[in-house]
Amino acid sequence: MAAQLNDTTSPPSQSMLHAVQRHRDVLQDYTRDFARTKSNVQKALDKANLLGDVRNDISSYKAAHSSVTDALLEERGRIDSSHRMIDETLDQAYETRAEFGRQRTSLTGINARMQGVLSTLPGINSLIGMIQSRRRRDSIIIGCLIGLCLVGLMSYMTR
């Protein structure tokens, strides 16, 4: 393009001059953007290197200064945590024990009321006794019947 502009035999037209000027402007914009991007990348690399160095310094400091005291403090924290968990478990056990005591008191009161009702109505006590004796008798009869059936089945199978 420079050779076309400097050619004296055929001078460039206005449209060619305008196109060349436009290309120069675009080139300057790209050059400026390239320089800005290059500086940003360089700054980012410098920052990464600096941070890497700082991180390395911090880790080396921690490695050099980690002592038995830190380990003991960490162990102390774990022990305190275990104590808290055990205390919570004991609190739950005490609450469960208290709940069992409340239930025992409640059941004792219910039993005393039932005894009072049974002593007030003597016929109910004898009725309950008769029901229990019939149950016992029915259980014995059913047990004997099942036993006889099993003996009969065994004798049938052995023949």
Protein backbone atom coordinates (compact mmCIF):
# COMPACT_ATOMS: atom_id res chain seq x y z
CA MET A 1 0.00 0.00 0.00
CA ALA A 2 2.89 2.32 0.77
CA ALA A 3 4.28 1.69 -2.72
CA GLN A 4 0.91 2.58 -4.27
CA LEU A 5 0.72 5.82 -2.29
CA ASN A 6 4.24 6.87 -3.18
CA ASP A 7 3.84 6.07 -6.88
CA THR A 8 4.06 9.40 -8.77
CA THR A 9 2.86 8.08 -12.11
CA SER A 10 -0.61 7.25 -10.90
CA PRO A 11 -1.64 9.32 -7.88
CA PRO A 12 -4.04 7.60 -5.46
CA SER A 13 -7.70 8.45 -5.48
CA GLN A 14 -9.64 9.84 -2.54
CA SER A 15 -11.24 6.46 -1.82
CA MET A 16 -7.83 4.80 -1.73
CA LEU A 17 -6.50 7.48 0.65
CA HIS A 18 -9.56 7.04 2.82
CA ALA A 19 -9.10 3.21 2.88
CA VAL A 20 -5.41 3.57 3.76
CA GLN A 21 -6.23 6.00 6.56
CA ARG A 22 -8.87 3.61 7.88
CA HIS A 23 -6.36 0.73 7.85
CA ARG A 24 -3.83 2.85 9.74
CA ASP A 25 -6.44 3.69 12.41
CA VAL A 26 -7.35 0.02 12.81
CA LEU A 27 -3.64 -0.89 13.04
CA GLN A 28 -3.12 1.74 15.76
CA ASP A 29 -6.16 0.38 17.70
CA TYR A 30 -4.84 -3.17 17.47
CA THR A 31 -1.36 -2.05 18.50
CA ARG A 32 -2.79 -0.21 21.53
CA ASP A 33 -4.95 -3.25 22.51
CA PHE A 34 -1.96 -5.55 22.11
CA ALA A 35 0.21 -3.36 24.34
CA ARG A 36 -2.55 -3.15 26.98
CA THR A 37 -3.14 -6.93 26.92
CA LYS A 38 0.59 -7.60 27.08
CA SER A 39 0.95 -5.39 30.16
CA ASN A 40 -2.08 -7.03 31.82
CA VAL A 41 -0.65 -10.49 31.22
CA GLN A 42 2.73 -9.38 32.57
CA LYS A 43 1.07 -7.93 35.69
CA ALA A 44 -0.91 -11.15 36.21
CA LEU A 45 2.27 -13.23 35.88
CA ASP A 46 4.11 -10.97 38.33
CA LYS A 47 1.23 -11.20 40.78
CA ALA A 48 1.06 -15.00 40.48
CA ASN A 49 4.80 -15.26 41.05
CA LEU A 50 4.60 -12.94 44.04
CA LEU A 51 1.66 -14.83 45.53
CA GLY A 52 3.42 -18.13 44.91
CA ASP A 53 6.48 -16.85 46.72
CA VAL A 54 4.36 -15.56 49.60
CA ARG A 55 2.51 -18.88 49.85
CA ASN A 56 5.81 -20.76 49.85
CA ASP A 57 7.09 -18.44 52.58
CA ILE A 58 3.95 -18.97 54.65
CA SER A 59 4.07 -22.75 54.32
CA SER A 60 7.77 -22.83 55.17
CA TYR A 61 7.11 -20.60 58.19
CA LYS A 62 4.31 -22.89 59.35
CA ALA A 63 6.49 -25.95 58.85
CA ALA A 64 9.35 -24.36 60.76
CA HIS A 65 7.19 -23.05 63.61
CA SER A 66 4.73 -25.89 64.06
CA SER A 67 5.53 -27.14 67.48
CA VAL A 68 4.46 -29.59 70.08
CA THR A 69 2.29 -26.89 71.63
CA ASP A 70 0.09 -26.73 68.54
CA ALA A 71 -0.35 -30.49 68.58
CA LEU A 72 -1.19 -30.42 72.28
CA LEU A 73 -3.73 -27.63 71.74
CA GLU A 74 -5.39 -29.59 68.94
CA GLU A 75 -5.52 -32.70 71.16
CA ARG A 76 -7.00 -30.61 73.97
CA GLY A 77 -9.73 -29.42 71.57
CA ARG A 78 -10.55 -33.01 70.63
CA ILE A 79 -10.73 -34.02 74.29
CA ASP A 80 -13.05 -31.10 75.07
CA SER A 81 -15.28 -32.13 72.18
CA SER A 82 -15.42 -35.69 73.51
CA HIS A 83 -16.33 -34.39 76.97
CA ARG A 84 -19.17 -32.32 75.50
CA MET A 85 -20.53 -35.37 73.66
CA ILE A 86 -20.35 -37.49 76.82
CA ASP A 87 -22.12 -34.79 78.83
CA GLU A 88 -24.92 -34.67 76.25
CA THR A 89 -25.26 -38.47 76.40
CA LEU A 90 -25.40 -38.38 80.20
CA ASP A 91 -28.05 -35.66 80.11
CA GLN A 92 -30.15 -37.84 77.80
CA ALA A 93 -29.70 -40.83 80.12
CA TYR A 94 -30.78 -38.79 83.16
CA GLU A 95 -33.83 -37.52 81.29
CA THR A 96 -34.74 -41.08 80.27
CA ARG A 97 -34.36 -42.23 83.88
CA ALA A 98 -36.63 -39.41 85.09
CA GLU A 99 -39.22 -40.32 82.42
CA PHE A 100 -39.18 -43.95 83.58
CA GLY A 101 -39.77 -42.72 87.15
CA ARG A 102 -42.77 -40.65 85.99
CA GLN A 103 -44.17 -43.63 84.11
CA ARG A 104 -43.69 -45.88 87.17
CA THR A 105 -45.58 -43.37 89.31
CA SER A 106 -48.36 -43.19 86.75
CA LEU A 107 -48.65 -46.99 86.50
CA THR A 108 -48.65 -47.32 90.29
CA GLY A 109 -51.55 -44.87 90.45
CA ILE A 110 -53.46 -46.78 87.77
CA ASN A 111 -52.85 -50.08 89.59
CA ALA A 112 -54.09 -48.59 92.88
CA ARG A 113 -57.26 -47.34 91.19
CA MET A 114 -57.86 -50.76 89.59
CA GLN A 115 -57.42 -52.44 92.98
CA GLY A 116 -59.87 -49.96 94.44
CA VAL A 117 -62.45 -50.74 91.74
CA LEU A 118 -61.98 -54.51 92.22
CA SER A 119 -62.34 -54.27 96.01
CA THR A 120 -65.45 -52.08 95.61
CA LEU A 121 -67.14 -54.59 93.32
CA PRO A 122 -66.39 -58.08 94.69
CA GLY A 123 -68.34 -59.75 91.88
CA ILE A 124 -65.86 -58.50 89.26
CA ASN A 125 -62.94 -60.13 91.11
CA SER A 126 -64.68 -63.51 91.19
CA LEU A 127 -65.70 -63.09 87.52
CA ILE A 128 -62.07 -62.42 86.56
CA GLY A 129 -61.02 -65.51 88.58
CA MET A 130 -63.57 -67.68 86.75
CA ILE A 131 -62.43 -66.34 83.38
CA GLN A 132 -58.80 -67.13 84.23
CA SER A 133 -59.66 -70.67 85.38
CA ARG A 134 -61.62 -71.31 82.15
CA ARG A 135 -58.71 -70.02 80.10
CA ARG A 136 -56.36 -72.35 81.95
CA ARG A 137 -58.74 -75.27 81.45
CA ASP A 138 -59.18 -74.47 77.74
CA SER A 139 -55.39 -74.20 77.30
CA ILE A 140 -54.90 -77.61 78.93
CA ILE A 141 -57.60 -79.19 76.74
CA ILE A 142 -56.17 -77.70 73.53
CA GLY A 143 -52.65 -78.78 74.56
CA CYS A 144 -53.80 -82.37 75.18
CA LEU A 145 -55.69 -82.41 71.86
CA ILE A 146 -52.64 -81.18 69.94
CA GLY A 147 -50.46 -83.76 71.72
CA LEU A 148 -52.87 -86.60 70.82
CA CYS A 149 -52.96 -85.43 67.20
CA LEU A 150 -49.17 -85.40 67.06
CA VAL A 151 -48.94 -88.89 68.60
CA GLY A 152 -51.55 -90.15 66.08
CA LEU A 153 -49.69 -88.52 63.21
CA MET A 154 -46.36 -90.04 64.34
CA SER A 155 -47.86 -93.49 64.68
CA TYR A 156 -49.48 -93.15 61.22
CA MET A 157 -46.15 -92.11 59.66
CA THR A 158 -44.22 -95.00 61.22
CA ARG A 159 -46.55 -97.66 59.83
